[in-house]
C-alpha atoms as a PDB file:
ATOM      1  CA  UNK A   1      42.419  50.023 106.005  1.00  0.00           C
ATOM      2  CA  UNK A   2      43.578  47.241 104.050  1.00  0.00           C
ATOM      3  CA  UNK A   3      47.404  47.828 105.336  1.00  0.00           C
ATOM      4  CA  UNK A   4      46.336  46.732 108.282  1.00  0.00           C
ATOM      5  CA  UNK A   5      44.451  43.676 107.435  1.00  0.00           C
ATOM      6  CA  UNK A   6      47.857  42.746 105.270  1.00  0.00           C
ATOM      7  CA  UNK A   7      49.751  43.332 108.622  1.00  0.00           C
ATOM      8  CA  UNK A   8      47.325  40.915 110.870  1.00  0.00           C
ATOM      9  CA  UNK A   9      47.311  38.378 108.377  1.00  0.00           C
ATOM     10  CA  UNK A  10      50.965  37.691 107.987  1.00  0.00           C
ATOM     11  CA  UNK A  11      51.525  38.434 111.548  1.00  0.00           C
ATOM     12  CA  UNK A  12      49.743  35.035 111.721  1.00  0.00           C
ATOM     13  CA  UNK A  13      50.905  33.064 109.300  1.00  0.00           C
ATOM     14  CA  UNK A  14      53.211  30.346 109.884  1.00  0.00           C
ATOM     15  CA  UNK A  15      56.176  32.034 107.811  1.00  0.00           C
ATOM     16  CA  UNK A  16      56.013  34.776 110.034  1.00  0.00           C
ATOM     17  CA  UNK A  17      56.068  32.914 113.244  1.00  0.00           C
ATOM     18  CA  UNK A  18      59.234  31.161 112.141  1.00  0.00           C
ATOM     19  CA  UNK A  19      60.499  34.526 110.828  1.00  0.00           C
ATOM     20  CA  UNK A  20      59.729  36.168 114.388  1.00  0.00           C
ATOM     21  CA  UNK A  21      61.681  33.039 115.956  1.00  0.00           C
ATOM     22  CA  UNK A  22      64.866  33.445 113.561  1.00  0.00           C
ATOM     23  CA  UNK A  23      64.905  37.136 114.453  1.00  0.00           C
ATOM     24  CA  UNK A  24      64.500  36.827 118.242  1.00  0.00           C
ATOM     25  CA  UNK A  25      67.384  34.107 117.802  1.00  0.00           C
ATOM     26  CA  UNK A  26      69.774  36.261 115.870  1.00  0.00           C
ATOM     27  CA  UNK A  27      69.338  39.230 118.007  1.00  0.00           C
ATOM     28  CA  UNK A  28      69.925  36.983 121.290  1.00  0.00           C
ATOM     29  CA  UNK A  29      73.475  35.545 119.823  1.00  0.00           C
ATOM     30  CA  UNK A  30      73.968  38.707 118.678  1.00  0.00           C
ATOM     31  CA  UNK A  31      73.711  40.558 122.050  1.00  0.00           C
ATOM     32  CA  UNK A  32      75.920  37.407 123.653  1.00  0.00           C
ATOM     33  CA  UNK A  33      78.443  36.643 120.895  1.00  0.00           C
ATOM     34  CA  UNK A  34      80.957  39.322 122.612  1.00  0.00           C
ATOM     35  CA  UNK A  35      81.149  37.965 125.935  1.00  0.00           C
ATOM     36  CA  UNK A  36      84.375  35.938 124.818  1.00  0.00           C
ATOM     37  CA  UNK A  37      87.190  37.490 121.934  1.00  0.00           C
ATOM     38  CA  UNK A  38      88.375  36.090 119.012  1.00  0.00           C
ATOM     39  CA  UNK A  39      89.012  32.723 118.219  1.00  0.00           C
ATOM     40  CA  UNK A  40      92.449  31.217 117.391  1.00  0.00           C
ATOM     41  CA  UNK A  41      90.868  29.796 113.825  1.00  0.00           C
ATOM     42  CA  UNK A  42      88.615  33.671 113.902  1.00  0.00           C
ATOM     43  CA  UNK A  43      92.259  35.440 113.097  1.00  0.00           C
ATOM     44  CA  UNK A  44      93.781  33.451 111.345  1.00  0.00           C
ATOM     45  CA  UNK A  45      90.973  34.182 108.688  1.00  0.00           C
ATOM     46  CA  UNK A  46      91.530  37.730 109.504  1.00  0.00           C
ATOM     47  CA  UNK A  47      94.709  38.186 109.152  1.00  0.00           C
ATOM     48  CA  UNK A  48      94.332  36.336 105.840  1.00  0.00           C
ATOM     49  CA  UNK A  49      91.285  38.376 104.386  1.00  0.00           C
ATOM     50  CA  UNK A  50      93.219  41.367 105.719  1.00  0.00           C
ATOM     51  CA  UNK A  51      96.503  40.555 103.721  1.00  0.00           C
ATOM     52  CA  UNK A  52      95.873  38.133 101.268  1.00  0.00           C
ATOM     53  CA  UNK A  53      92.574  38.039 100.173  1.00  0.00           C
ATOM     54  CA  UNK A  54      92.017  35.569  97.046  1.00  0.00           C
ATOM     55  CA  UNK A  55      90.108  33.021  94.928  1.00  0.00           C
ATOM     56  CA  UNK A  56      91.485  30.372  96.572  1.00  0.00           C
ATOM     57  CA  UNK A  57      93.010  28.841 100.002  1.00  0.00           C
ATOM     58  CA  UNK A  58      94.230  25.286 100.813  1.00  0.00           C
ATOM     59  CA  UNK A  59      92.673  25.475 104.206  1.00  0.00           C
ATOM     60  CA  UNK A  60      89.240  27.400 103.535  1.00  0.00           C
ATOM     61  CA  UNK A  61      87.057  27.879 100.370  1.00  0.00           C
ATOM     62  CA  UNK A  62      87.017  31.700  99.431  1.00  0.00           C
ATOM     63  CA  UNK A  63      83.511  32.615 100.370  1.00  0.00           C
ATOM     64  CA  UNK A  64      84.770  32.774 104.463  1.00  0.00           C
ATOM     65  CA  UNK A  65      88.122  35.083 104.157  1.00  0.00           C
ATOM     66  CA  UNK A  66      85.834  37.304 101.667  1.00  0.00           C
ATOM     67  CA  UNK A  67      82.938  37.474 103.986  1.00  0.00           C
ATOM     68  CA  UNK A  68      85.502  38.096 106.696  1.00  0.00           C
ATOM     69  CA  UNK A  69      86.916  40.603 104.891  1.00  0.00           C
ATOM     70  CA  UNK A  70      83.292  42.355 104.485  1.00  0.00           C
ATOM     71  CA  UNK A  71      82.931  42.038 107.784  1.00  0.00           C
ATOM     72  CA  UNK A  72      86.348  43.772 108.942  1.00  0.00           C
ATOM     73  CA  UNK A  73      85.147  46.576 106.784  1.00  0.00           C
ATOM     74  CA  UNK A  74      81.909  46.774 107.600  1.00  0.00           C
ATOM     75  CA  UNK A  75      82.364  46.319 111.219  1.00  0.00           C
ATOM     76  CA  UNK A  76      86.532  47.017 112.098  1.00  0.00           C
ATOM     77  CA  UNK A  77      88.387  44.130 114.230  1.00  0.00           C
ATOM     78  CA  UNK A  78      85.241  43.376 116.432  1.00  0.00           C
ATOM     79  CA  UNK A  79      83.837  39.455 117.074  1.00  0.00           C
ATOM     80  CA  UNK A  80      80.242  40.395 117.250  1.00  0.00           C
ATOM     81  CA  UNK A  81      80.988  42.125 113.234  1.00  0.00           C
ATOM     82  CA  UNK A  82      83.060  39.508 112.514  1.00  0.00           C
ATOM     83  CA  UNK A  83      80.464  36.557 113.834  1.00  0.00           C
ATOM     84  CA  UNK A  84      77.258  38.456 112.292  1.00  0.00           C
ATOM     85  CA  UNK A  85      77.302  36.599 109.432  1.00  0.00           C
ATOM     86  CA  UNK A  86      77.593  33.345 111.549  1.00  0.00           C
ATOM     87  CA  UNK A  87      74.274  34.283 113.528  1.00  0.00           C
ATOM     88  CA  UNK A  88      72.588  35.457 110.463  1.00  0.00           C
ATOM     89  CA  UNK A  89      73.261  31.880 108.605  1.00  0.00           C
ATOM     90  CA  UNK A  90      72.271  29.852 111.631  1.00  0.00           C
ATOM     91  CA  UNK A  91      69.093  32.296 111.653  1.00  0.00           C
ATOM     92  CA  UNK A  92      68.764  31.381 108.171  1.00  0.00           C
ATOM     93  CA  UNK A  93      68.978  27.577 108.820  1.00  0.00           C
ATOM     94  CA  UNK A  94      66.401  28.152 111.517  1.00  0.00           C
ATOM     95  CA  UNK A  95      63.997  29.348 109.243  1.00  0.00           C
ATOM     96  CA  UNK A  96      65.114  26.872 106.582  1.00  0.00           C
ATOM     97  CA  UNK A  97      64.377  23.744 109.164  1.00  0.00           C
ATOM     98  CA  UNK A  98      60.589  25.554 109.459  1.00  0.00           C
ATOM     99  CA  UNK A  99      59.765  25.859 106.394  1.00  0.00           C
ATOM    100  CA  UNK A 100      61.244  21.747 105.343  1.00  0.00           C
ATOM    101  CA  UNK A 101      58.788  20.876 107.871  1.00  0.00           C
ATOM    102  CA  UNK A 102      56.295  23.113 106.536  1.00  0.00           C
ATOM    103  CA  UNK A 103      56.489  21.541 103.438  1.00  0.00           C
ATOM    104  CA  UNK A 104      56.333  17.968 104.322  1.00  0.00           C
ATOM    105  CA  UNK A 105      53.255  18.297 106.334  1.00  0.00           C
ATOM    106  CA  UNK A 106      53.730  19.912 109.685  1.00  0.00           C
ATOM    107  CA  UNK A 107      51.667  22.118 111.355  1.00  0.00           C
ATOM    108  CA  UNK A 108      52.507  24.987 113.079  1.00  0.00           C
ATOM    109  CA  UNK A 109      53.503  23.507 115.596  1.00  0.00           C
ATOM    110  CA  UNK A 110      55.508  20.978 114.355  1.00  0.00           C
ATOM    111  CA  UNK A 111      57.378  24.432 112.348  1.00  0.00           C
ATOM    112  CA  UNK A 112      58.073  25.943 115.602  1.00  0.00           C
ATOM    113  CA  UNK A 113      59.205  22.768 117.415  1.00  0.00           C
ATOM    114  CA  UNK A 114      61.425  22.214 114.570  1.00  0.00           C
ATOM    115  CA  UNK A 115      63.030  25.679 114.461  1.00  0.00           C
ATOM    116  CA  UNK A 116      63.776  26.029 117.768  1.00  0.00           C
ATOM    117  CA  UNK A 117      65.187  22.191 117.757  1.00  0.00           C
ATOM    118  CA  UNK A 118      67.594  23.256 115.444  1.00  0.00           C
ATOM    119  CA  UNK A 119      68.483  26.298 117.147  1.00  0.00           C
ATOM    120  CA  UNK A 120      69.148  24.750 120.132  1.00  0.00           C
ATOM    121  CA  UNK A 121      71.223  21.712 119.302  1.00  0.00           C
ATOM    122  CA  UNK A 122      74.694  22.578 120.164  1.00  0.00           C
ATOM    123  CA  UNK A 123      75.958  22.744 117.016  1.00  0.00           C
ATOM    124  CA  UNK A 124      73.544  25.678 115.298  1.00  0.00           C
ATOM    125  CA  UNK A 125      74.576  27.449 118.768  1.00  0.00           C
ATOM    126  CA  UNK A 126      78.519  26.961 118.471  1.00  0.00           C
ATOM    127  CA  UNK A 127      78.347  27.715 114.883  1.00  0.00           C
ATOM    128  CA  UNK A 128      76.310  30.509 115.256  1.00  0.00           C
ATOM    129  CA  UNK A 129      79.304  31.561 117.967  1.00  0.00           C
ATOM    130  CA  UNK A 130      81.815  31.449 115.792  1.00  0.00           C
ATOM    131  CA  UNK A 131      83.094  32.864 112.355  1.00  0.00           C
ATOM    132  CA  UNK A 132      84.609  29.812 110.909  1.00  0.00           C
ATOM    133  CA  UNK A 133      83.696  27.974 107.166  1.00  0.00           C
ATOM    134  CA  UNK A 134      82.345  24.892 108.691  1.00  0.00           C
ATOM    135  CA  UNK A 135      79.212  27.371 109.461  1.00  0.00           C
ATOM    136  CA  UNK A 136      78.765  28.460 105.940  1.00  0.00           C
ATOM    137  CA  UNK A 137      78.890  24.509 104.697  1.00  0.00           C
ATOM    138  CA  UNK A 138      76.270  23.724 107.162  1.00  0.00           C
ATOM    139  CA  UNK A 139      74.247  27.066 105.753  1.00  0.00           C
ATOM    140  CA  UNK A 140      74.592  25.715 102.306  1.00  0.00           C
ATOM    141  CA  UNK A 141      74.049  22.145 102.831  1.00  0.00           C
ATOM    142  CA  UNK A 142      70.871  22.945 104.527  1.00  0.00           C
ATOM    143  CA  UNK A 143      69.807  25.014 101.715  1.00  0.00           C
ATOM    144  CA  UNK A 144      70.670  22.675  99.117  1.00  0.00           C
ATOM    145  CA  UNK A 145      68.463  20.227 101.008  1.00  0.00           C
ATOM    146  CA  UNK A 146      65.422  22.622 101.359  1.00  0.00           C
ATOM    147  CA  UNK A 147      66.011  23.408  97.688  1.00  0.00           C
ATOM    148  CA  UNK A 148      65.589  19.932  96.883  1.00  0.00           C
ATOM    149  CA  UNK A 149      62.823  19.171  98.561  1.00  0.00           C
ATOM    150  CA  UNK A 150      61.383  22.533  96.994  1.00  0.00           C
ATOM    151  CA  UNK A 151      62.140  21.322  93.692  1.00  0.00           C
ATOM    152  CA  UNK A 152      61.849  18.000  94.368  1.00  0.00           C
ATOM    153  CA  UNK A 153      58.646  17.842  95.433  1.00  0.00           C
ATOM    154  CA  UNK A 154      56.257  18.460  92.726  1.00  0.00           C
ATOM    155  CA  UNK A 155      56.998  19.280  88.839  1.00  0.00           C
ATOM    156  CA  UNK A 156      54.330  22.260  89.578  1.00  0.00           C
ATOM    157  CA  UNK A 157      57.116  24.467  91.890  1.00  0.00           C
ATOM    158  CA  UNK A 158      59.627  24.374  89.504  1.00  0.00           C
END
């Protein structure tokens, strides 16, 4: 009985709604990401990741080719597999946007509206549809803003 109560309580919470929205966005983009082939920048990143994985590059931060190498090892040369990290990053951005709105005092509908708005902006849709370093930069800046708001809000949360 306690397990069912926990599940029903969690599913009715604000965080669960944001998580379900982010998962729906991730699944939708994963199923529609394979309609086109590789972008030129993705092919260059895959070439670098497959041949010369290093700690630094002129054109990219080291994390982008590393994640491309992981995707190449896990999924093979697949656009959907390569873009899975970008889709996951954009889903987390959507979740973090809703959590930032919650921390600023927004109620459930404000959180949902903010998360859906972030998910449907052209920047977010394009960033989730291509594996480029800008996607990870966008994710890192949103994460930094979330952490700054979380730790800067009150000393009790640190």
